[in-house]
Amino acid sequence: MITPEFMAIWVAWLMAGGSPGPATMGIAGTAMSAGRRPALAFALGILAGSASWGIAAALGLSAVMLANAWVFEVLRYAGATYLGWLALKALKRAAHSGEGAKLGSGFSGGFVTLFTKGTAIHLTNPKAILSWGAIYAIVAPADATPATLFGYFGLLYAGSAMIFLGYAVLFSSERIVRGYGKAQRWFDLAFAGFFGFASFKILTARLQ
């Protein structure tokens, strides 16, 4: 299950999850405006939404992929296109980023309110289900069983938890926020390079 190819894709998954987007910027903004605990509540809601999409994708794709190997090809190209789009988006941010750039808007409320808002953001984000479906098609063999798919789900979900909860902790620190602001352009350039390379590797990979 754990191959060098999977580890490369897992790193790409972490970078995609950590790149600026509605979830990460919402967590960062909440951490900076309301503090660590509210940001953690918001992040837990996002993780609940992510789990819902991940489990739904595993349940639905396990049967479809067994009967239709072409689904792998469709989702593989979708995943490569998505990574290419992330690369272009990161380049655009790098071209316009500067010190003091706004990192995100914060959310307010109690634990239940913040958890619900986080869940809603991820459940209404169409790229979440596309990302889960594409990653299964990339890392899983054509004859993948439900057990295999849920094994991948556990590993990928652990990476998502590390990223989202990490954002809540890191961006509640003023020192981290200042450091990120100063190096934001370099982070974006690194994201762009990695996403572009990952997209190329997926397009040229020979799936078994």
Protein backbone atom coordinates (compact mmCIF):
# COMPACT_ATOMS: atom_id res chain seq x y z
CA MET A 1 0.00 0.00 0.00
CA ILE A 2 2.70 2.50 1.01
CA THR A 3 4.83 2.92 -2.10
CA PRO A 4 7.24 5.73 -3.07
CA GLU A 5 4.62 6.87 -5.60
CA PHE A 6 1.97 7.06 -2.87
CA MET A 7 4.29 9.06 -0.61
CA ALA A 8 4.87 11.56 -3.44
CA ILE A 9 1.13 11.90 -3.95
CA TRP A 10 0.62 12.18 -0.17
CA VAL A 11 3.06 15.12 -0.06
CA ALA A 12 1.15 16.71 -2.96
CA TRP A 13 -2.07 16.14 -0.99
CA LEU A 14 -0.56 17.92 2.02
CA MET A 15 0.61 20.84 -0.09
CA ALA A 16 -2.75 21.13 -1.83
CA GLY A 17 -4.51 21.09 1.54
CA GLY A 18 -2.09 23.67 2.95
CA SER A 19 -2.23 26.03 0.00
CA PRO A 20 -4.46 29.12 0.36
CA GLY A 21 -8.15 28.36 -0.09
CA PRO A 22 -11.52 28.86 1.65
CA ALA A 23 -10.74 26.32 4.39
CA THR A 24 -7.16 27.27 5.21
CA MET A 25 -7.74 31.00 4.95
CA GLY A 26 -10.87 30.70 7.09
CA ILE A 27 -8.89 28.87 9.75
CA ALA A 28 -6.01 31.36 9.58
CA GLY A 29 -8.34 34.35 9.75
CA THR A 30 -10.25 32.89 12.69
CA ALA A 31 -7.01 32.09 14.53
CA MET A 32 -5.72 35.65 14.04
CA SER A 33 -8.98 37.39 14.95
CA ALA A 34 -10.47 35.13 17.64
CA GLY A 35 -7.62 32.93 18.90
CA ARG A 36 -6.61 29.29 18.95
CA ARG A 37 -9.67 27.60 20.46
CA PRO A 38 -12.20 29.11 18.03
CA ALA A 39 -9.87 28.29 15.14
CA LEU A 40 -9.62 24.68 16.31
CA ALA A 41 -13.44 24.45 16.49
CA PHE A 42 -13.68 25.81 12.95
CA ALA A 43 -10.96 23.40 11.75
CA LEU A 44 -12.76 20.42 13.31
CA GLY A 45 -15.87 21.39 11.36
CA ILE A 46 -13.87 21.49 8.13
CA LEU A 47 -12.47 18.05 8.94
CA ALA A 48 -16.01 16.75 9.48
CA GLY A 49 -16.97 18.02 6.03
CA SER A 50 -13.84 16.52 4.53
CA ALA A 51 -14.57 13.15 6.14
CA SER A 52 -18.09 13.20 4.70
CA TRP A 53 -16.81 13.74 1.15
CA GLY A 54 -13.96 11.25 1.58
CA ILE A 55 -16.20 8.46 2.84
CA ALA A 56 -18.84 9.19 0.21
CA ALA A 57 -16.20 9.04 -2.53
CA ALA A 58 -14.81 5.76 -1.17
CA LEU A 59 -18.25 4.15 -0.96
CA GLY A 60 -19.33 5.31 -4.38
CA LEU A 61 -16.10 4.77 -6.26
CA SER A 62 -15.33 1.33 -4.85
CA ALA A 63 -18.07 -0.25 -6.96
CA VAL A 64 -17.83 2.07 -9.96
CA MET A 65 -14.09 1.65 -10.41
CA LEU A 66 -14.30 -2.14 -10.22
CA ALA A 67 -16.68 -2.19 -13.17
CA ASN A 68 -15.33 0.77 -15.15
CA ALA A 69 -11.57 1.11 -15.39
CA TRP A 70 -12.00 4.19 -17.61
CA VAL A 71 -13.17 6.10 -14.53
CA PHE A 72 -9.54 6.05 -13.41
CA GLU A 73 -8.47 7.83 -16.58
CA VAL A 74 -11.19 10.47 -16.31
CA LEU A 75 -10.40 11.24 -12.69
CA ARG A 76 -6.66 11.08 -13.35
CA TYR A 77 -6.92 13.83 -15.96
CA ALA A 78 -9.28 15.77 -13.70
CA GLY A 79 -6.73 15.54 -10.89
CA ALA A 80 -3.87 16.62 -13.16
CA THR A 81 -5.92 19.56 -14.43
CA TYR A 82 -6.75 20.59 -10.88
CA LEU A 83 -3.09 20.51 -9.85
CA GLY A 84 -2.20 22.56 -12.92
CA TRP A 85 -4.83 25.11 -11.95
CA LEU A 86 -3.37 25.27 -8.43
CA ALA A 87 0.07 25.90 -9.93
CA LEU A 88 -1.23 28.83 -12.01
CA LYS A 89 -3.13 30.20 -9.02
CA ALA A 90 0.01 30.07 -6.86
CA LEU A 91 2.02 31.87 -9.56
CA LYS A 92 -0.62 34.59 -9.68
CA ARG A 93 -0.46 35.03 -5.91
CA ALA A 94 3.34 35.17 -6.04
CA ALA A 95 3.18 37.93 -8.65
CA HIS A 96 0.88 40.06 -6.50
CA SER A 97 1.84 39.10 -2.96
CA GLY A 98 3.74 41.37 -0.66
CA GLU A 99 4.42 42.01 2.98
CA GLY A 100 1.24 42.62 4.90
CA ALA A 101 -0.97 40.72 2.47
CA LYS A 102 -4.28 39.70 3.99
CA LEU A 103 -4.31 36.02 4.92
CA GLY A 104 -8.00 35.47 5.43
CA SER A 105 -11.26 36.54 7.04
CA GLY A 106 -12.14 35.33 10.50
CA PHE A 107 -15.33 33.69 11.79
CA SER A 108 -16.94 34.23 15.16
CA GLY A 109 -19.30 32.38 17.48
CA GLY A 110 -19.33 29.54 19.98
CA PHE A 111 -17.93 26.05 19.43
CA VAL A 112 -21.09 24.65 17.81
CA THR A 113 -21.50 27.70 15.57
CA LEU A 114 -17.90 27.64 14.41
CA PHE A 115 -17.95 23.86 13.92
CA THR A 116 -21.12 24.17 11.83
CA LYS A 117 -19.67 26.98 9.73
CA GLY A 118 -16.51 24.96 9.07
CA THR A 119 -18.53 21.90 8.07
CA ALA A 120 -20.73 23.96 5.75
CA ILE A 121 -17.74 25.52 3.99
CA HIS A 122 -16.30 22.13 3.09
CA LEU A 123 -19.61 20.46 2.25
CA THR A 124 -20.44 23.26 -0.20
CA ASN A 125 -17.00 23.29 -1.78
CA PRO A 126 -17.20 21.28 -5.05
CA LYS A 127 -13.44 20.84 -5.26
CA ALA A 128 -13.52 18.71 -2.09
CA ILE A 129 -15.39 15.78 -3.66
CA LEU A 130 -13.42 16.17 -6.89
CA SER A 131 -10.15 16.09 -4.95
CA TRP A 132 -11.11 12.94 -3.05
CA GLY A 133 -12.31 11.20 -6.20
CA ALA A 134 -9.21 12.17 -8.17
CA ILE A 135 -6.80 11.08 -5.44
CA TYR A 136 -8.44 7.65 -5.16
CA ALA A 137 -8.09 7.19 -8.90
CA ILE A 138 -4.42 8.16 -8.76
CA VAL A 139 -3.24 6.07 -5.79
CA ALA A 140 -5.55 3.02 -5.86
CA PRO A 141 -5.23 0.05 -8.24
CA ALA A 142 -8.07 -0.65 -10.69
CA ASP A 143 -9.22 -3.65 -8.61
CA ALA A 144 -9.19 -1.75 -5.31
CA THR A 145 -11.41 -3.19 -2.60
CA PRO A 146 -13.38 -1.07 -0.11
CA ALA A 147 -10.80 -2.00 2.54
CA THR A 148 -7.99 -0.64 0.37
CA LEU A 149 -9.86 2.57 -0.35
CA PHE A 150 -10.63 3.14 3.31
CA GLY A 151 -7.00 2.46 4.14
CA TYR A 152 -6.01 5.26 1.79
CA PHE A 153 -8.77 7.40 3.29
CA GLY A 154 -7.25 7.01 6.75
CA LEU A 155 -3.79 8.05 5.58
CA LEU A 156 -5.03 10.99 3.51
CA TYR A 157 -7.41 12.13 6.23
CA ALA A 158 -4.61 12.07 8.79
CA GLY A 159 -2.68 14.43 6.50
CA SER A 160 -5.69 16.75 6.23
CA ALA A 161 -6.07 16.79 10.03
CA MET A 162 -2.41 17.67 10.42
CA ILE A 163 -2.73 20.57 7.98
CA PHE A 164 -6.02 22.08 9.20
CA LEU A 165 -5.34 21.72 12.92
CA GLY A 166 -1.79 22.91 12.31
CA TYR A 167 -3.12 26.09 10.70
CA ALA A 168 -5.26 26.75 13.77
CA VAL A 169 -2.25 26.44 16.06
CA LEU A 170 0.33 28.20 13.90
CA PHE A 171 -1.72 31.23 12.88
CA SER A 172 -2.67 31.98 16.48
CA SER A 173 1.00 32.95 16.90
CA GLU A 174 1.90 36.52 15.91
CA ARG A 175 5.48 35.48 15.14
CA ILE A 176 4.33 32.84 12.63
CA VAL A 177 1.97 35.31 10.95
CA ARG A 178 4.74 37.89 10.53
CA GLY A 179 7.13 35.25 9.17
CA TYR A 180 4.60 33.92 6.70
CA GLY A 181 3.83 37.41 5.45
CA LYS A 182 7.50 38.07 4.73
CA ALA A 183 8.05 34.73 2.93
CA GLN A 184 4.62 34.39 1.31
CA ARG A 185 5.92 34.92 -2.24
CA TRP A 186 8.53 32.17 -1.85
CA PHE A 187 5.93 29.78 -0.45
CA ASP A 188 3.69 30.48 -3.44
CA LEU A 189 6.54 29.89 -5.90
CA ALA A 190 7.32 26.57 -4.17
CA PHE A 191 3.64 25.57 -4.33
CA ALA A 192 3.52 26.45 -8.04
CA GLY A 193 6.60 24.38 -8.85
CA PHE A 194 5.45 21.33 -6.91
CA PHE A 195 1.90 21.40 -8.25
CA GLY A 196 3.16 21.78 -11.82
CA PHE A 197 5.56 18.87 -11.41
CA ALA A 198 2.89 16.69 -9.77
CA SER A 199 0.46 17.46 -12.60
CA PHE A 200 3.06 16.45 -15.19
CA LYS A 201 3.88 13.20 -13.36
CA ILE A 202 0.20 12.25 -13.12
CA LEU A 203 -0.37 12.91 -16.82
CA THR A 204 2.65 10.82 -17.84
CA ALA A 205 2.18 8.02 -15.29
CA ARG A 206 1.32 4.51 -16.47
CA LEU A 207 -1.41 3.18 -14.19
CA GLN A 208 -1.51 -0.55 -13.55
